[in-house]
């Protein structure tokens, strides 16, 4: 498992990632292509590709190929695991700087 500090750093890297997480956590049943997801958060598909790839790499988002498009969706269990790991890290004595 990814260490808490690294996980926190990866999750807080950009406004785009925050927008994506907010969208999918607010709408946990959402399944859409990258064009639709980008439109929903007021961005272009090209501007969110790297952040989507990072969330896919972390396992927070999943991707399913249907027809000619890839559909993105929230991996609810993995997202919950990461939220617990971040909360545990942030409340641990090691995360507090002297």
N, C-alpha and C. Protein backbone atom coordinates (compact mmCIF):
# COMPACT_ATOMS: atom_id res chain seq x y z
N UNK A 1 0.84 -1.18 0.00
CA UNK A 1 0.00 0.00 0.00
C UNK A 1 0.88 1.25 0.00
N UNK A 2 0.39 2.29 -0.61
CA UNK A 2 1.13 3.54 -0.69
C UNK A 2 1.17 4.18 0.68
N UNK A 3 2.31 4.69 1.07
CA UNK A 3 2.44 5.33 2.37
C UNK A 3 1.57 6.58 2.43
N UNK A 4 1.10 6.90 3.63
CA UNK A 4 0.18 8.01 3.83
C UNK A 4 0.66 9.33 3.27
N UNK A 5 1.93 9.67 3.53
CA UNK A 5 2.45 10.96 3.07
C UNK A 5 2.42 11.06 1.55
N UNK A 6 2.88 10.03 0.88
CA UNK A 6 2.88 10.02 -0.58
C UNK A 6 1.45 10.08 -1.12
N UNK A 7 0.56 9.37 -0.49
CA UNK A 7 -0.83 9.37 -0.89
C UNK A 7 -1.44 10.77 -0.76
N UNK A 8 -1.17 11.44 0.34
CA UNK A 8 -1.66 12.80 0.54
C UNK A 8 -1.10 13.72 -0.55
N UNK A 9 0.18 13.59 -0.83
CA UNK A 9 0.81 14.42 -1.87
C UNK A 9 0.16 14.19 -3.23
N UNK A 10 -0.10 12.95 -3.56
CA UNK A 10 -0.71 12.65 -4.87
C UNK A 10 -2.14 13.14 -4.97
N UNK A 11 -2.86 13.11 -3.86
CA UNK A 11 -4.26 13.49 -3.89
C UNK A 11 -4.45 15.00 -3.92
N UNK A 12 -3.47 15.76 -3.46
CA UNK A 12 -3.63 17.20 -3.34
C UNK A 12 -2.77 17.96 -4.35
N UNK A 13 -2.58 17.39 -5.51
CA UNK A 13 -1.66 18.00 -6.47
C UNK A 13 -2.28 19.06 -7.36
N UNK A 14 -3.60 19.08 -7.49
CA UNK A 14 -4.18 20.05 -8.43
C UNK A 14 -5.66 20.30 -8.18
N UNK A 15 -6.10 21.43 -8.69
CA UNK A 15 -7.52 21.76 -8.63
C UNK A 15 -8.33 20.81 -9.51
N UNK A 16 -7.74 20.36 -10.60
CA UNK A 16 -8.45 19.43 -11.49
C UNK A 16 -8.76 18.14 -10.75
N UNK A 17 -7.79 17.62 -10.03
CA UNK A 17 -8.01 16.37 -9.29
C UNK A 17 -9.08 16.58 -8.22
N UNK A 18 -9.05 17.72 -7.56
CA UNK A 18 -10.08 18.03 -6.57
C UNK A 18 -11.45 18.08 -7.22
N UNK A 19 -11.55 18.71 -8.39
CA UNK A 19 -12.83 18.77 -9.12
C UNK A 19 -13.31 17.38 -9.51
N UNK A 20 -12.39 16.54 -9.96
CA UNK A 20 -12.76 15.17 -10.35
C UNK A 20 -13.26 14.37 -9.14
N UNK A 21 -12.53 14.45 -8.05
CA UNK A 21 -12.94 13.72 -6.85
C UNK A 21 -14.28 14.21 -6.34
N UNK A 22 -14.49 15.52 -6.36
CA UNK A 22 -15.77 16.07 -5.92
C UNK A 22 -16.90 15.58 -6.81
N UNK A 23 -16.70 15.60 -8.12
CA UNK A 23 -17.71 15.14 -9.06
C UNK A 23 -18.09 13.69 -8.79
N UNK A 24 -17.10 12.81 -8.71
CA UNK A 24 -17.40 11.39 -8.56
C UNK A 24 -17.89 11.04 -7.16
N UNK A 25 -17.42 11.72 -6.14
CA UNK A 25 -17.89 11.43 -4.79
C UNK A 25 -19.30 11.98 -4.56
N UNK A 26 -19.64 13.07 -5.21
CA UNK A 26 -20.98 13.63 -5.11
C UNK A 26 -21.98 12.81 -5.93
N UNK A 27 -21.48 12.18 -6.98
CA UNK A 27 -22.30 11.37 -7.88
C UNK A 27 -21.68 9.98 -8.01
N UNK A 28 -21.70 9.16 -6.95
CA UNK A 28 -20.96 7.90 -6.97
C UNK A 28 -21.43 6.89 -8.02
N UNK A 29 -22.59 7.07 -8.58
CA UNK A 29 -23.07 6.18 -9.63
C UNK A 29 -22.77 6.67 -11.03
N UNK A 30 -22.06 7.80 -11.14
CA UNK A 30 -21.75 8.40 -12.43
C UNK A 30 -20.85 7.49 -13.25
N UNK A 31 -21.23 7.29 -14.51
CA UNK A 31 -20.40 6.57 -15.48
C UNK A 31 -20.42 7.42 -16.74
N UNK A 32 -19.26 7.89 -17.16
CA UNK A 32 -19.21 8.80 -18.30
C UNK A 32 -17.84 8.72 -18.95
N UNK A 33 -17.78 9.15 -20.19
CA UNK A 33 -16.51 9.23 -20.91
C UNK A 33 -15.76 10.47 -20.50
N UNK A 34 -14.51 10.56 -20.91
CA UNK A 34 -13.67 11.68 -20.51
C UNK A 34 -14.23 13.00 -21.01
N UNK A 35 -14.85 13.00 -22.20
CA UNK A 35 -15.44 14.24 -22.72
C UNK A 35 -16.56 14.73 -21.81
N UNK A 36 -17.44 13.82 -21.40
CA UNK A 36 -18.55 14.17 -20.52
C UNK A 36 -18.08 14.61 -19.15
N UNK A 37 -17.08 13.91 -18.62
CA UNK A 37 -16.53 14.27 -17.31
C UNK A 37 -15.91 15.66 -17.37
N UNK A 38 -15.14 15.92 -18.42
CA UNK A 38 -14.51 17.23 -18.57
C UNK A 38 -15.57 18.33 -18.66
N UNK A 39 -16.60 18.09 -19.42
CA UNK A 39 -17.66 19.07 -19.56
C UNK A 39 -18.35 19.34 -18.23
N UNK A 40 -18.57 18.30 -17.46
CA UNK A 40 -19.24 18.44 -16.16
C UNK A 40 -18.47 19.32 -15.19
N UNK A 41 -17.13 19.33 -15.31
CA UNK A 41 -16.32 20.16 -14.39
C UNK A 41 -15.80 21.43 -15.07
N UNK A 42 -16.30 21.69 -16.28
CA UNK A 42 -15.95 22.94 -16.97
C UNK A 42 -14.54 23.00 -17.50
N UNK A 43 -14.05 21.85 -17.97
CA UNK A 43 -12.68 21.79 -18.49
C UNK A 43 -12.68 21.04 -19.82
N UNK A 44 -11.53 21.02 -20.47
CA UNK A 44 -11.39 20.28 -21.71
C UNK A 44 -10.85 18.88 -21.41
N UNK A 45 -11.16 17.92 -22.28
CA UNK A 45 -10.64 16.57 -22.06
C UNK A 45 -9.11 16.52 -21.94
N UNK A 46 -8.42 17.28 -22.77
CA UNK A 46 -6.96 17.29 -22.72
C UNK A 46 -6.43 17.80 -21.39
N UNK A 47 -7.15 18.74 -20.78
CA UNK A 47 -6.67 19.34 -19.54
C UNK A 47 -6.86 18.43 -18.32
N UNK A 48 -7.64 17.36 -18.46
CA UNK A 48 -7.86 16.48 -17.31
C UNK A 48 -7.22 15.10 -17.47
N UNK A 49 -6.66 14.83 -18.63
CA UNK A 49 -6.12 13.48 -18.91
C UNK A 49 -5.10 13.01 -17.88
N UNK A 50 -4.13 13.84 -17.54
CA UNK A 50 -3.08 13.42 -16.61
C UNK A 50 -3.66 13.11 -15.23
N UNK A 51 -4.58 13.94 -14.78
CA UNK A 51 -5.18 13.72 -13.46
C UNK A 51 -6.08 12.49 -13.46
N UNK A 52 -6.81 12.26 -14.53
CA UNK A 52 -7.62 11.05 -14.65
C UNK A 52 -6.71 9.83 -14.62
N UNK A 53 -5.60 9.90 -15.36
CA UNK A 53 -4.65 8.78 -15.38
C UNK A 53 -4.11 8.50 -13.98
N UNK A 54 -3.82 9.54 -13.21
CA UNK A 54 -3.31 9.34 -11.85
C UNK A 54 -4.38 8.70 -10.97
N UNK A 55 -5.64 9.14 -11.08
CA UNK A 55 -6.71 8.54 -10.29
C UNK A 55 -6.98 7.09 -10.72
N UNK A 56 -6.79 6.81 -12.00
CA UNK A 56 -6.89 5.42 -12.47
C UNK A 56 -5.76 4.59 -11.88
N UNK A 57 -4.55 5.14 -11.88
CA UNK A 57 -3.38 4.46 -11.33
C UNK A 57 -3.57 4.16 -9.84
N UNK A 58 -4.15 5.09 -9.11
CA UNK A 58 -4.41 4.89 -7.68
C UNK A 58 -5.57 3.92 -7.44
N UNK A 59 -6.35 3.68 -8.46
CA UNK A 59 -7.50 2.77 -8.33
C UNK A 59 -8.77 3.45 -7.85
N UNK A 60 -8.74 4.77 -7.73
CA UNK A 60 -9.94 5.49 -7.29
C UNK A 60 -10.97 5.50 -8.41
N UNK A 61 -10.49 5.70 -9.63
CA UNK A 61 -11.38 5.60 -10.78
C UNK A 61 -11.12 4.29 -11.50
N UNK A 62 -12.16 3.77 -12.10
CA UNK A 62 -12.04 2.60 -12.95
C UNK A 62 -12.39 3.00 -14.36
N UNK A 63 -12.00 2.15 -15.32
CA UNK A 63 -12.28 2.44 -16.72
C UNK A 63 -12.77 1.16 -17.39
N UNK A 64 -13.85 1.32 -18.13
CA UNK A 64 -14.41 0.19 -18.86
C UNK A 64 -14.59 0.62 -20.31
N UNK A 65 -14.08 -0.20 -21.23
CA UNK A 65 -14.20 0.09 -22.66
C UNK A 65 -15.55 -0.43 -23.16
N UNK A 66 -16.37 0.47 -23.69
CA UNK A 66 -17.68 0.12 -24.23
C UNK A 66 -17.79 0.74 -25.62
N UNK A 67 -17.93 -0.10 -26.61
CA UNK A 67 -17.97 0.41 -27.97
C UNK A 67 -16.65 1.08 -28.32
N UNK A 68 -16.75 2.34 -28.70
CA UNK A 68 -15.55 3.08 -29.10
C UNK A 68 -15.05 4.03 -28.02
N UNK A 69 -15.67 4.00 -26.84
CA UNK A 69 -15.25 4.94 -25.80
C UNK A 69 -14.90 4.21 -24.51
N UNK A 70 -14.08 4.87 -23.71
CA UNK A 70 -13.76 4.39 -22.37
C UNK A 70 -14.63 5.15 -21.39
N UNK A 71 -15.31 4.42 -20.53
CA UNK A 71 -16.16 5.03 -19.52
C UNK A 71 -15.44 5.02 -18.18
N UNK A 72 -15.53 6.13 -17.48
CA UNK A 72 -14.90 6.29 -16.17
C UNK A 72 -15.97 6.16 -15.10
N UNK A 73 -15.59 5.60 -13.97
CA UNK A 73 -16.50 5.45 -12.84
C UNK A 73 -15.68 5.39 -11.56
N UNK A 74 -16.36 5.67 -10.45
CA UNK A 74 -15.72 5.65 -9.14
C UNK A 74 -15.62 4.22 -8.63
N UNK A 75 -14.41 3.84 -8.21
CA UNK A 75 -14.19 2.55 -7.55
C UNK A 75 -14.46 2.80 -6.06
N UNK A 76 -15.68 2.63 -5.64
CA UNK A 76 -16.11 3.04 -4.31
C UNK A 76 -15.29 2.41 -3.18
N UNK A 77 -15.01 1.14 -3.28
CA UNK A 77 -14.27 0.47 -2.20
C UNK A 77 -12.84 1.01 -2.11
N UNK A 78 -12.19 1.16 -3.23
CA UNK A 78 -10.80 1.66 -3.22
C UNK A 78 -10.77 3.12 -2.75
N UNK A 79 -11.75 3.91 -3.17
CA UNK A 79 -11.83 5.29 -2.72
C UNK A 79 -11.97 5.35 -1.20
N UNK A 80 -12.83 4.50 -0.66
CA UNK A 80 -13.02 4.45 0.80
C UNK A 80 -11.73 4.05 1.50
N UNK A 81 -11.01 3.07 0.96
CA UNK A 81 -9.74 2.63 1.55
C UNK A 81 -8.73 3.78 1.58
N UNK A 82 -8.66 4.53 0.50
CA UNK A 82 -7.71 5.64 0.42
C UNK A 82 -8.11 6.75 1.39
N UNK A 83 -9.40 7.02 1.51
CA UNK A 83 -9.84 8.03 2.47
C UNK A 83 -9.47 7.64 3.90
N UNK A 84 -9.61 6.36 4.23
CA UNK A 84 -9.22 5.88 5.57
C UNK A 84 -7.71 6.02 5.75
N UNK A 85 -6.94 5.64 4.74
CA UNK A 85 -5.48 5.73 4.84
C UNK A 85 -5.04 7.18 5.03
N UNK A 86 -5.65 8.10 4.32
CA UNK A 86 -5.30 9.51 4.45
C UNK A 86 -5.69 10.02 5.84
N UNK A 87 -6.88 9.68 6.29
CA UNK A 87 -7.33 10.11 7.62
C UNK A 87 -6.42 9.56 8.70
N UNK A 88 -6.03 8.31 8.58
CA UNK A 88 -5.13 7.69 9.55
C UNK A 88 -3.79 8.40 9.56
N UNK A 89 -3.27 8.69 8.39
CA UNK A 89 -1.99 9.40 8.30
C UNK A 89 -2.09 10.79 8.92
N UNK A 90 -3.15 11.53 8.58
CA UNK A 90 -3.29 12.90 9.06
C UNK A 90 -3.52 13.00 10.57
N UNK A 91 -4.04 11.94 11.16
CA UNK A 91 -4.27 11.96 12.60
C UNK A 91 -3.17 11.27 13.40
N UNK A 92 -2.17 10.77 12.69
CA UNK A 92 -1.06 10.09 13.38
C UNK A 92 -0.03 11.12 13.84
N UNK A 93 0.68 10.80 14.93
CA UNK A 93 1.71 11.72 15.44
C UNK A 93 2.83 11.99 14.44
N UNK A 94 3.13 11.03 13.54
CA UNK A 94 4.20 11.18 12.57
C UNK A 94 3.90 12.29 11.55
N UNK A 95 2.63 12.56 11.29
CA UNK A 95 2.29 13.55 10.27
C UNK A 95 2.40 14.98 10.77
N UNK A 96 2.54 15.14 12.08
CA UNK A 96 2.64 16.47 12.68
C UNK A 96 4.11 16.87 12.73
N UNK A 97 4.44 18.00 12.14
CA UNK A 97 5.82 18.48 12.16
C UNK A 97 6.11 19.18 13.47
N UNK A 98 7.34 19.01 14.00
CA UNK A 98 7.71 19.66 15.27
C UNK A 98 7.86 21.16 15.11
